[in-house]
C-alpha atoms as a PDB file:
ATOM      1  CA  MET A   1       0.084  -0.263  -0.140  1.00  0.00           C
ATOM      2  CA  THR A   2       1.451   3.449  -1.064  1.00  0.00           C
ATOM      3  CA  ARG A   3       0.378   6.774   0.446  1.00  0.00           C
ATOM      4  CA  ILE A   4      -0.938   9.072  -2.074  1.00  0.00           C
ATOM      5  CA  GLY A   5      -2.000  12.703  -2.007  1.00  0.00           C
ATOM      6  CA  PHE A   6      -4.821  13.477  -4.750  1.00  0.00           C
ATOM      7  CA  ILE A   7      -5.473  17.178  -5.399  1.00  0.00           C
ATOM      8  CA  GLY A   8      -8.659  18.043  -7.560  1.00  0.00           C
ATOM      9  CA  LEU A   9     -11.554  16.005  -7.546  1.00  0.00           C
ATOM     10  CA  GLY A  10     -13.163  16.678 -10.499  1.00  0.00           C
ATOM     11  CA  LYS A  11     -14.813  15.150 -13.435  1.00  0.00           C
ATOM     12  CA  LEU A  12     -11.465  13.070 -13.884  1.00  0.00           C
ATOM     13  CA  GLY A  13      -9.968  13.287 -10.465  1.00  0.00           C
ATOM     14  CA  LEU A  14     -12.178  11.540  -8.542  1.00  0.00           C
ATOM     15  CA  PRO A  15     -12.551   8.295 -11.057  1.00  0.00           C
ATOM     16  CA  VAL A  16      -8.994   8.368 -11.055  1.00  0.00           C
ATOM     17  CA  ALA A  17      -8.368   8.603  -7.191  1.00  0.00           C
ATOM     18  CA  MET A  18     -11.119   5.969  -6.705  1.00  0.00           C
ATOM     19  CA  ARG A  19      -9.214   3.517  -8.727  1.00  0.00           C
ATOM     20  CA  LEU A  20      -6.038   4.338  -6.931  1.00  0.00           C
ATOM     21  CA  ALA A  21      -8.327   3.474  -3.938  1.00  0.00           C
ATOM     22  CA  LYS A  22      -9.441   0.465  -5.280  1.00  0.00           C
ATOM     23  CA  ALA A  23      -6.744  -0.721  -6.064  1.00  0.00           C
ATOM     24  CA  GLY A  24      -5.357  -0.644  -2.395  1.00  0.00           C
ATOM     25  CA  HIS A  25      -3.205   2.640  -1.850  1.00  0.00           C
ATOM     26  CA  ASP A  26      -4.078   4.652   0.996  1.00  0.00           C
ATOM     27  CA  VAL A  27      -5.623   7.660  -1.286  1.00  0.00           C
ATOM     28  CA  ILE A  28      -6.192  11.050   0.767  1.00  0.00           C
ATOM     29  CA  GLY A  29      -7.686  13.851  -1.150  1.00  0.00           C
ATOM     30  CA  PHE A  30      -8.907  17.643  -1.246  1.00  0.00           C
ATOM     31  CA  ASP A  31     -10.823  19.688  -3.662  1.00  0.00           C
ATOM     32  CA  ARG A  32     -11.626  23.617  -3.350  1.00  0.00           C
ATOM     33  CA  SER A  33     -15.372  22.739  -4.276  1.00  0.00           C
ATOM     34  CA  ALA A  34     -17.365  21.708  -1.022  1.00  0.00           C
ATOM     35  CA  ASP A  35     -19.913  19.668  -3.440  1.00  0.00           C
ATOM     36  CA  ARG A  36     -16.632  17.650  -5.388  1.00  0.00           C
ATOM     37  CA  ARG A  37     -15.692  17.229  -1.666  1.00  0.00           C
ATOM     38  CA  GLY A  38     -19.342  15.675  -0.496  1.00  0.00           C
ATOM     39  CA  GLU A  39     -19.098  13.532  -3.668  1.00  0.00           C
ATOM     40  CA  ALA A  40     -15.476  11.959  -3.317  1.00  0.00           C
ATOM     41  CA  ALA A  41     -16.948  11.635   0.925  1.00  0.00           C
ATOM     42  CA  GLY A  42     -20.061   9.951  -0.736  1.00  0.00           C
ATOM     43  CA  ARG A  43     -18.039   7.663  -2.570  1.00  0.00           C
ATOM     44  CA  GLY A  44     -15.679   6.613   0.651  1.00  0.00           C
ATOM     45  CA  LEU A  45     -12.826   8.644  -0.185  1.00  0.00           C
ATOM     46  CA  GLY A  46     -10.355   9.878   2.375  1.00  0.00           C
ATOM     47  CA  LEU A  47     -10.181  13.313   2.546  1.00  0.00           C
ATOM     48  CA  ALA A  48      -7.780  16.300   4.099  1.00  0.00           C
ATOM     49  CA  GLY A  49      -9.064  19.744   5.732  1.00  0.00           C
ATOM     50  CA  ASP A  50      -6.727  21.209   2.675  1.00  0.00           C
ATOM     51  CA  GLY A  51      -4.055  20.664   0.261  1.00  0.00           C
ATOM     52  CA  PRO A  52      -0.909  20.560   2.318  1.00  0.00           C
ATOM     53  CA  ALA A  53      -2.275  18.253   4.887  1.00  0.00           C
ATOM     54  CA  ALA A  54      -3.575  15.896   1.725  1.00  0.00           C
ATOM     55  CA  VAL A  55       0.053  15.484   0.473  1.00  0.00           C
ATOM     56  CA  ALA A  56       1.968  15.657   3.935  1.00  0.00           C
ATOM     57  CA  GLY A  57       4.121  12.472   4.206  1.00  0.00           C
ATOM     58  CA  ALA A  58       2.592  10.988   0.637  1.00  0.00           C
ATOM     59  CA  ALA A  59       5.058   9.193  -1.738  1.00  0.00           C
ATOM     60  CA  PHE A  60       2.848  10.419  -4.601  1.00  0.00           C
ATOM     61  CA  VAL A  61       0.796  13.130  -5.206  1.00  0.00           C
ATOM     62  CA  PHE A  62      -1.309  13.611  -8.189  1.00  0.00           C
ATOM     63  CA  THR A  63      -2.454  16.589  -9.465  1.00  0.00           C
ATOM     64  CA  SER A  64      -6.164  17.357 -11.679  1.00  0.00           C
ATOM     65  CA  LEU A  65      -6.619  20.881 -12.053  1.00  0.00           C
ATOM     66  CA  PRO A  66      -8.139  22.769 -14.942  1.00  0.00           C
ATOM     67  CA  ASP A  67      -5.827  25.013 -16.155  1.00  0.00           C
ATOM     68  CA  ASP A  68      -2.414  27.077 -15.346  1.00  0.00           C
ATOM     69  CA  ALA A  69      -4.079  29.633 -13.243  1.00  0.00           C
ATOM     70  CA  ALA A  70      -5.325  26.659 -11.149  1.00  0.00           C
ATOM     71  CA  LEU A  71      -1.756  24.700 -11.159  1.00  0.00           C
ATOM     72  CA  LYS A  72       0.675  27.180 -10.266  1.00  0.00           C
ATOM     73  CA  GLY A  73      -2.185  28.678  -7.818  1.00  0.00           C
ATOM     74  CA  ALA A  74      -2.244  25.106  -6.228  1.00  0.00           C
ATOM     75  CA  LEU A  75       1.447  24.306  -6.469  1.00  0.00           C
ATOM     76  CA  LEU A  76       3.835  27.841  -6.469  1.00  0.00           C
ATOM     77  CA  ALA A  77       1.586  29.928  -4.363  1.00  0.00           C
ATOM     78  CA  ASP A  78       3.076  31.059  -0.964  1.00  0.00           C
ATOM     79  CA  ALA A  79       1.218  28.349   1.054  1.00  0.00           C
ATOM     80  CA  GLY A  80       0.957  26.071  -1.854  1.00  0.00           C
ATOM     81  CA  LEU A  81       1.603  22.664  -2.479  1.00  0.00           C
ATOM     82  CA  VAL A  82       5.301  22.764  -3.283  1.00  0.00           C
ATOM     83  CA  GLN A  83       6.309  23.716   0.223  1.00  0.00           C
ATOM     84  CA  ALA A  84       4.157  20.705   1.563  1.00  0.00           C
ATOM     85  CA  LEU A  85       6.236  18.002  -0.583  1.00  0.00           C
ATOM     86  CA  ALA A  86       8.517  15.724   1.033  1.00  0.00           C
ATOM     87  CA  GLY A  87      12.139  15.313  -0.601  1.00  0.00           C
ATOM     88  CA  GLY A  88      11.822  12.011  -2.601  1.00  0.00           C
ATOM     89  CA  ALA A  89       8.405  12.262  -3.249  1.00  0.00           C
ATOM     90  CA  ILE A  90       6.922  12.070  -7.108  1.00  0.00           C
ATOM     91  CA  LEU A  91       4.228  14.552  -8.179  1.00  0.00           C
ATOM     92  CA  VAL A  92       2.151  12.958 -10.930  1.00  0.00           C
ATOM     93  CA  GLU A  93       0.466  16.316 -12.576  1.00  0.00           C
ATOM     94  CA  THR A  94      -2.587  14.629 -14.997  1.00  0.00           C
ATOM     95  CA  SER A  95      -3.698  18.048 -15.843  1.00  0.00           C
ATOM     96  CA  THR A  96      -3.762  19.652 -19.749  1.00  0.00           C
ATOM     97  CA  VAL A  97      -1.689  22.851 -19.155  1.00  0.00           C
ATOM     98  CA  SER A  98       0.932  24.700 -21.122  1.00  0.00           C
ATOM     99  CA  PRO A  99       4.254  24.106 -21.699  1.00  0.00           C
ATOM    100  CA  GLU A 100       5.775  26.941 -20.082  1.00  0.00           C
ATOM    101  CA  ALA A 101       3.386  26.429 -16.889  1.00  0.00           C
ATOM    102  CA  SER A 102       4.515  23.145 -16.394  1.00  0.00           C
ATOM    103  CA  ALA A 103       8.647  24.310 -16.606  1.00  0.00           C
ATOM    104  CA  SER A 104       8.220  26.708 -13.790  1.00  0.00           C
ATOM    105  CA  VAL A 105       7.083  23.996 -11.787  1.00  0.00           C
ATOM    106  CA  ALA A 106       9.365  22.139 -12.993  1.00  0.00           C
ATOM    107  CA  GLU A 107      11.892  24.432 -11.585  1.00  0.00           C
ATOM    108  CA  ALA A 108      10.497  24.555  -7.836  1.00  0.00           C
ATOM    109  CA  LEU A 109      10.325  20.934  -7.449  1.00  0.00           C
ATOM    110  CA  ALA A 110      13.907  20.336  -8.602  1.00  0.00           C
ATOM    111  CA  ALA A 111      14.765  22.631  -5.922  1.00  0.00           C
ATOM    112  CA  ARG A 112      12.478  21.033  -3.223  1.00  0.00           C
ATOM    113  CA  ASP A 113      14.009  16.854  -4.250  1.00  0.00           C
ATOM    114  CA  VAL A 114      10.474  16.128  -5.686  1.00  0.00           C
ATOM    115  CA  GLY A 115       9.953  14.018  -8.884  1.00  0.00           C
ATOM    116  CA  TYR A 116       8.260  15.635 -11.622  1.00  0.00           C
ATOM    117  CA  LEU A 117       6.356  13.853 -13.596  1.00  0.00           C
ATOM    118  CA  ARG A 118       4.431  15.306 -16.438  1.00  0.00           C
ATOM    119  CA  SER A 119       1.596  12.929 -16.745  1.00  0.00           C
ATOM    120  CA  PRO A 120      -1.834  13.921 -18.768  1.00  0.00           C
ATOM    121  CA  VAL A 121      -4.332  11.126 -19.560  1.00  0.00           C
ATOM    122  CA  SER A 122      -6.198  10.755 -23.327  1.00  0.00           C
ATOM    123  CA  GLY A 123      -9.910   9.421 -22.415  1.00  0.00           C
ATOM    124  CA  ASN A 124     -12.952  10.833 -20.645  1.00  0.00           C
ATOM    125  CA  PRO A 125     -14.992   9.912 -17.039  1.00  0.00           C
ATOM    126  CA  VAL A 126     -16.182   6.903 -18.357  1.00  0.00           C
ATOM    127  CA  LEU A 127     -12.776   5.153 -19.186  1.00  0.00           C
ATOM    128  CA  ALA A 128     -11.393   6.695 -16.014  1.00  0.00           C
ATOM    129  CA  GLU A 129     -13.760   4.874 -14.212  1.00  0.00           C
ATOM    130  CA  ALA A 130     -12.682   1.961 -16.181  1.00  0.00           C
ATOM    131  CA  GLY A 131      -9.253   2.094 -15.686  1.00  0.00           C
ATOM    132  CA  THR A 132      -8.583   2.093 -19.241  1.00  0.00           C
ATOM    133  CA  LEU A 133      -7.396   6.136 -19.528  1.00  0.00           C
ATOM    134  CA  THR A 134      -3.780   6.460 -21.701  1.00  0.00           C
ATOM    135  CA  ALA A 135      -0.792   7.921 -19.879  1.00  0.00           C
ATOM    136  CA  MET A 136       1.925  10.134 -21.556  1.00  0.00           C
ATOM    137  CA  ALA A 137       4.539  10.954 -19.248  1.00  0.00           C
ATOM    138  CA  SER A 138       7.675  12.677 -19.410  1.00  0.00           C
ATOM    139  CA  GLY A 139      10.395  13.835 -17.007  1.00  0.00           C
ATOM    140  CA  PRO A 140      12.850  12.296 -14.955  1.00  0.00           C
ATOM    141  CA  ARG A 141      12.743   8.372 -16.010  1.00  0.00           C
ATOM    142  CA  ALA A 142      13.698   7.076 -12.730  1.00  0.00           C
ATOM    143  CA  ALA A 143      10.597   8.916 -11.457  1.00  0.00           C
ATOM    144  CA  PHE A 144       8.558   7.091 -14.561  1.00  0.00           C
ATOM    145  CA  ASP A 145       9.217   3.760 -13.627  1.00  0.00           C
ATOM    146  CA  LEU A 146       8.294   3.942  -9.968  1.00  0.00           C
ATOM    147  CA  ALA A 147       4.952   5.471 -11.090  1.00  0.00           C
ATOM    148  CA  VAL A 148       4.193   2.682 -13.624  1.00  0.00           C
ATOM    149  CA  PRO A 149       2.580   0.167 -11.244  1.00  0.00           C
ATOM    150  CA  VAL A 150       0.693   3.016  -9.491  1.00  0.00           C
ATOM    151  CA  LEU A 151      -0.731   4.477 -13.058  1.00  0.00           C
ATOM    152  CA  GLU A 152      -1.904   0.905 -13.820  1.00  0.00           C
ATOM    153  CA  ALA A 153      -4.273   1.451 -11.584  1.00  0.00           C
ATOM    154  CA  PHE A 154      -5.873   3.946 -14.035  1.00  0.00           C
ATOM    155  CA  THR A 155      -4.648   3.214 -17.076  1.00  0.00           C
ATOM    156  CA  LYS A 156      -4.668   0.858 -20.068  1.00  0.00           C
ATOM    157  CA  ALA A 157      -0.962   2.034 -21.180  1.00  0.00           C
ATOM    158  CA  GLN A 158       1.514   4.181 -20.449  1.00  0.00           C
ATOM    159  CA  VAL A 159       3.851   5.672 -22.934  1.00  0.00           C
ATOM    160  CA  TYR A 160       7.462   7.584 -21.863  1.00  0.00           C
ATOM    161  CA  LEU A 161       8.250   9.984 -23.903  1.00  0.00           C
ATOM    162  CA  GLY A 162      11.536  12.202 -22.630  1.00  0.00           C
ATOM    163  CA  GLU A 163      13.134  14.143 -19.905  1.00  0.00           C
ATOM    164  CA  ALA A 164      11.191  17.505 -20.219  1.00  0.00           C
ATOM    165  CA  GLU A 165       7.818  19.007 -21.470  1.00  0.00           C
ATOM    166  CA  GLN A 166       7.126  16.192 -24.201  1.00  0.00           C
ATOM    167  CA  ALA A 167       3.937  14.715 -22.649  1.00  0.00           C
ATOM    168  CA  ARG A 168       2.285  18.215 -22.501  1.00  0.00           C
ATOM    169  CA  TYR A 169       3.171  18.869 -26.600  1.00  0.00           C
ATOM    170  CA  ALA A 170       1.834  15.243 -26.887  1.00  0.00           C
ATOM    171  CA  LYS A 171      -1.091  15.761 -25.049  1.00  0.00           C
ATOM    172  CA  LEU A 172      -2.127  19.107 -26.939  1.00  0.00           C
ATOM    173  CA  ALA A 173      -1.198  17.293 -29.911  1.00  0.00           C
ATOM    174  CA  ILE A 174      -4.079  14.481 -29.740  1.00  0.00           C
ATOM    175  CA  ASN A 175      -6.594  17.492 -28.722  1.00  0.00           C
ATOM    176  CA  LEU A 176      -5.844  19.440 -31.362  1.00  0.00           C
ATOM    177  CA  MET A 177      -6.835  15.715 -33.623  1.00  0.00           C
ATOM    178  CA  ILE A 178      -9.997  14.951 -31.049  1.00  0.00           C
ATOM    179  CA  ALA A 179     -11.103  19.019 -31.695  1.00  0.00           C
ATOM    180  CA  VAL A 180     -10.431  18.756 -35.471  1.00  0.00           C
ATOM    181  CA  SER A 181     -12.250  15.041 -35.885  1.00  0.00           C
ATOM    182  CA  ALA A 182     -15.367  16.758 -34.123  1.00  0.00           C
ATOM    183  CA  GLY A 183     -15.392  18.881 -36.869  1.00  0.00           C
ATOM    184  CA  MET A 184     -15.066  16.465 -39.646  1.00  0.00           C
ATOM    185  CA  MET A 185     -18.065  14.320 -38.229  1.00  0.00           C
ATOM    186  CA  ALA A 186     -20.336  17.282 -37.977  1.00  0.00           C
ATOM    187  CA  ASP A 187     -19.690  18.249 -41.471  1.00  0.00           C
ATOM    188  CA  ALA A 188     -19.702  14.703 -42.957  1.00  0.00           C
ATOM    189  CA  LEU A 189     -23.023  13.990 -40.716  1.00  0.00           C
ATOM    190  CA  VAL A 190     -24.557  16.956 -41.947  1.00  0.00           C
ATOM    191  CA  LEU A 191     -23.551  16.155 -45.563  1.00  0.00           C
ATOM    192  CA  ALA A 192     -25.581  12.985 -45.133  1.00  0.00           C
ATOM    193  CA  GLU A 193     -28.737  13.960 -43.668  1.00  0.00           C
ATOM    194  CA  LYS A 194     -28.831  16.175 -46.811  1.00  0.00           C
ATOM    195  CA  GLY A 195     -28.338  13.401 -49.210  1.00  0.00           C
ATOM    196  CA  GLU A 196     -31.197  11.711 -46.777  1.00  0.00           C
ATOM    197  CA  VAL A 197     -29.257   8.761 -45.713  1.00  0.00           C
ATOM    198  CA  PRO A 198     -30.567   7.482 -42.136  1.00  0.00           C
ATOM    199  CA  TRP A 199     -29.219   9.532 -39.123  1.00  0.00           C
ATOM    200  CA  ALA A 200     -28.539   6.159 -37.099  1.00  0.00           C
ATOM    201  CA  ALA A 201     -27.430   4.356 -40.093  1.00  0.00           C
ATOM    202  CA  MET A 202     -24.751   6.662 -41.144  1.00  0.00           C
ATOM    203  CA  LEU A 203     -23.219   6.722 -37.292  1.00  0.00           C
ATOM    204  CA  ASP A 204     -23.106   3.312 -37.481  1.00  0.00           C
ATOM    205  CA  LEU A 205     -20.974   3.470 -40.793  1.00  0.00           C
ATOM    206  CA  MET A 206     -18.719   5.926 -39.401  1.00  0.00           C
ATOM    207  CA  ALA A 207     -18.149   3.811 -36.273  1.00  0.00           C
ATOM    208  CA  GLU A 208     -17.301   0.380 -38.599  1.00  0.00           C
ATOM    209  CA  SER A 209     -15.362   2.593 -41.747  1.00  0.00           C
ATOM    210  CA  ALA A 210     -11.587   3.316 -41.587  1.00  0.00           C
ATOM    211  CA  VAL A 211     -12.316   6.251 -40.004  1.00  0.00           C
ATOM    212  CA  GLY A 212     -14.289   4.381 -36.736  1.00  0.00           C
ATOM    213  CA  SER A 213     -11.492   5.682 -34.195  1.00  0.00           C
ATOM    214  CA  PRO A 214     -12.078   4.786 -30.539  1.00  0.00           C
ATOM    215  CA  MET A 215     -13.267   8.862 -30.398  1.00  0.00           C
ATOM    216  CA  VAL A 216     -15.644   8.127 -33.014  1.00  0.00           C
ATOM    217  CA  LYS A 217     -16.833   5.036 -31.761  1.00  0.00           C
ATOM    218  CA  TYR A 218     -17.588   6.430 -28.184  1.00  0.00           C
ATOM    219  CA  LYS A 219     -19.518   9.437 -29.491  1.00  0.00           C
ATOM    220  CA  VAL A 220     -21.716   7.356 -31.496  1.00  0.00           C
ATOM    221  CA  PRO A 221     -24.424   6.240 -29.110  1.00  0.00           C
ATOM    222  CA  PRO A 222     -25.278   9.720 -27.287  1.00  0.00           C
ATOM    223  CA  LEU A 223     -25.400  11.126 -31.133  1.00  0.00           C
ATOM    224  CA  LYS A 224     -27.660   8.814 -31.901  1.00  0.00           C
ATOM    225  CA  THR A 225     -30.320  10.515 -29.318  1.00  0.00           C
ATOM    226  CA  ARG A 226     -28.624  13.999 -29.744  1.00  0.00           C
ATOM    227  CA  ASP A 227     -27.645  13.682 -26.125  1.00  0.00           C
ATOM    228  CA  TYR A 228     -25.147  16.313 -25.988  1.00  0.00           C
ATOM    229  CA  SER A 229     -24.162  16.431 -21.997  1.00  0.00           C
ATOM    230  CA  SER A 230     -20.889  17.149 -21.381  1.00  0.00           C
ATOM    231  CA  THR A 231     -17.821  14.543 -20.604  1.00  0.00           C
ATOM    232  CA  PHE A 232     -15.834  17.576 -22.149  1.00  0.00           C
ATOM    233  CA  SER A 233     -17.171  20.615 -22.716  1.00  0.00           C
ATOM    234  CA  CYS A 234     -16.807  22.909 -25.656  1.00  0.00           C
ATOM    235  CA  GLY A 235     -15.378  25.554 -22.986  1.00  0.00           C
ATOM    236  CA  GLN A 236     -12.742  23.148 -22.180  1.00  0.00           C
ATOM    237  CA  MET A 237     -11.910  22.496 -25.439  1.00  0.00           C
ATOM    238  CA  ALA A 238     -11.663  26.204 -26.461  1.00  0.00           C
ATOM    239  CA  LYS A 239      -9.205  26.634 -23.637  1.00  0.00           C
ATOM    240  CA  ASP A 240      -7.314  23.284 -24.480  1.00  0.00           C
ATOM    241  CA  LEU A 241      -7.095  24.708 -28.235  1.00  0.00           C
ATOM    242  CA  ASP A 242      -5.916  28.020 -26.761  1.00  0.00           C
ATOM    243  CA  LEU A 243      -2.847  26.029 -25.303  1.00  0.00           C
ATOM    244  CA  ILE A 244      -2.166  24.161 -28.973  1.00  0.00           C
ATOM    245  CA  LEU A 245      -2.117  27.618 -30.735  1.00  0.00           C
ATOM    246  CA  GLY A 246       0.254  29.587 -28.191  1.00  0.00           C
ATOM    247  CA  ALA A 247       2.452  26.700 -28.631  1.00  0.00           C
ATOM    248  CA  ALA A 248       2.364  26.516 -31.598  1.00  0.00           C
ATOM    249  CA  SER A 249       3.123  30.398 -32.031  1.00  0.00           C
ATOM    250  CA  ALA A 250       6.240  30.036 -29.620  1.00  0.00           C
ATOM    251  CA  ALA A 251       7.386  27.428 -31.556  1.00  0.00           C
ATOM    252  CA  GLY A 252       7.233  29.499 -35.187  1.00  0.00           C
ATOM    253  CA  LEU A 253       4.458  27.090 -36.690  1.00  0.00           C
ATOM    254  CA  SER A 254       0.831  28.216 -38.210  1.00  0.00           C
ATOM    255  CA  LEU A 255      -1.810  25.195 -37.888  1.00  0.00           C
ATOM    256  CA  PRO A 256      -4.545  25.874 -40.214  1.00  0.00           C
ATOM    257  CA  TYR A 257      -6.817  22.933 -38.686  1.00  0.00           C
ATOM    258  CA  GLY A 258      -6.387  24.343 -34.940  1.00  0.00           C
ATOM    259  CA  ASP A 259      -7.122  27.837 -36.309  1.00  0.00           C
ATOM    260  CA  LEU A 260     -10.776  26.618 -37.847  1.00  0.00           C
ATOM    261  CA  ALA A 261     -11.125  24.481 -34.670  1.00  0.00           C
ATOM    262  CA  ARG A 262     -10.570  27.199 -32.312  1.00  0.00           C
ATOM    263  CA  ALA A 263     -13.577  29.328 -34.512  1.00  0.00           C
ATOM    264  CA  THR A 264     -15.644  26.274 -34.597  1.00  0.00           C
ATOM    265  CA  TYR A 265     -15.394  26.329 -30.577  1.00  0.00           C
ATOM    266  CA  ARG A 266     -15.637  30.397 -30.688  1.00  0.00           C
ATOM    267  CA  ASP A 267     -18.720  30.205 -32.630  1.00  0.00           C
ATOM    268  CA  LEU A 268     -20.542  26.929 -30.102  1.00  0.00           C
ATOM    269  CA  ILE A 269     -19.669  29.365 -27.152  1.00  0.00           C
ATOM    270  CA  GLU A 270     -21.220  32.191 -28.379  1.00  0.00           C
ATOM    271  CA  SER A 271     -24.141  30.210 -29.557  1.00  0.00           C
ATOM    272  CA  GLY A 272     -24.644  29.243 -25.792  1.00  0.00           C
ATOM    273  CA  ARG A 273     -22.976  25.930 -25.538  1.00  0.00           C
ATOM    274  CA  SER A 274     -19.938  26.692 -23.443  1.00  0.00           C
ATOM    275  CA  ASP A 275     -20.968  23.643 -21.077  1.00  0.00           C
ATOM    276  CA  ALA A 276     -22.105  21.481 -23.591  1.00  0.00           C
ATOM    277  CA  ASP A 277     -20.177  18.439 -24.809  1.00  0.00           C
ATOM    278  CA  PHE A 278     -17.794  19.242 -27.587  1.00  0.00           C
ATOM    279  CA  ILE A 279     -19.134  17.208 -30.072  1.00  0.00           C
ATOM    280  CA  ALA A 280     -22.191  19.485 -30.093  1.00  0.00           C
ATOM    281  CA  ALA A 281     -20.182  21.082 -32.856  1.00  0.00           C
ATOM    282  CA  VAL A 282     -22.314  18.317 -34.986  1.00  0.00           C
ATOM    283  CA  GLU A 283     -25.708  20.093 -33.173  1.00  0.00           C
ATOM    284  CA  ARG A 284     -24.468  23.913 -34.458  1.00  0.00           C
ATOM    285  CA  ALA A 285     -23.753  22.231 -37.983  1.00  0.00           C
ATOM    286  CA  GLU A 286     -27.169  21.167 -38.126  1.00  0.00           C
ATOM    287  CA  GLU A 287     -28.420  24.621 -37.313  1.00  0.00           C
ATOM    288  CA  ARG A 288     -26.061  25.985 -40.132  1.00  0.00           C
ATOM    289  CA  ALA A 289     -27.542  23.795 -42.655  1.00  0.00           C
ATOM    290  CA  GLY A 290     -31.262  24.699 -41.962  1.00  0.00           C
ATOM    291  CA  LEU A 291     -31.752  21.051 -40.711  1.00  0.00           C
ATOM    292  CA  GLY A 292     -33.260  22.299 -37.251  1.00  0.00           C
ATOM    293  CA  PRO A 293     -33.702  20.695 -34.150  1.00  0.00           C
ATOM    294  CA  ARG A 294     -34.221  16.821 -33.990  1.00  0.00           C
END
C-alpha cells in the first residue's frame, strides 16, 4: 500500500482517485469545491482539510487541475503544495496545461528534490472509471519507472516520452486531433443528412468504417439520441485550443486546422453551448445547414 495525496477531485480526478483507492493505495484527497469533496466522501474516499494536509508524508502526489492558473496557484503560491511535499516524493501532474506553466513547476520542484512526472491522460470520465485511460509521461526516467505500478491502477497504457515537457506537447497534439475530428464528423453528418442517409445508419457506418477511431465509436451512442451532455465541454475544448495555438506560436508554427477548430468553438460558445459536450459541433452544424432541431 502506497500513501498517495490527490489534489483535484473533478470529473476526471475523482474516478482516478477512486481507482487508486480500489487498487489498495492509501489515498487522501482534497478539492477546493465543497460539492466535489461531498461527492468524494460519498464514494468513500479519504479527505484532508486542505491541500498541504492531503500531501503531507505522501510518497506520490497526483494533481488533476483545470488550467494553468489553477496549477500554479495550487503548487507555487506562498502556502502552495511545493512547500508541503516531502523530499524524495514524486508529483504526478495529470492536467492539460501549457509547457510554460509546467516548466515553472518543474523548476520549483527541482529545488525541493521532488520528482516531477508530467503525465496528462487521454480519455474521459467513463474510461477513468473503467481504468482504461492512456497516460503519456515525461520527466525523470527513474520517477516514471517507480510510478508505472501506480499508473496501472487507472490506465491501460503508459507511454514514456522524454525527460522534459514532451508529454505536454503530446497531449496538446492529441487534443488538436480530437477537436478537428469533431468538426469533421459534424460536416460529414450534415452532408449525409442532406443526402437523406438515415441518421443512425450513418453513425453506425462511421463507427465501422476506416475513420472509426475510438473517439468516433465513443460518440456514436449519444449522437444517436442527440445527447450533448458534457463529458468534456466546448469551453474546455476552447481552453485547450488556446494552449495548442499558443504552443504552436511559440514554436514558430502555423496550424490552419487548429485555427479553424478554434473558430468553431468560439462560435459554439457564442451560441450558448459553452457547457455542452464538445461534440455539440454536430448540433451547430445542423443549425447552420437549416436542418433544425431533431
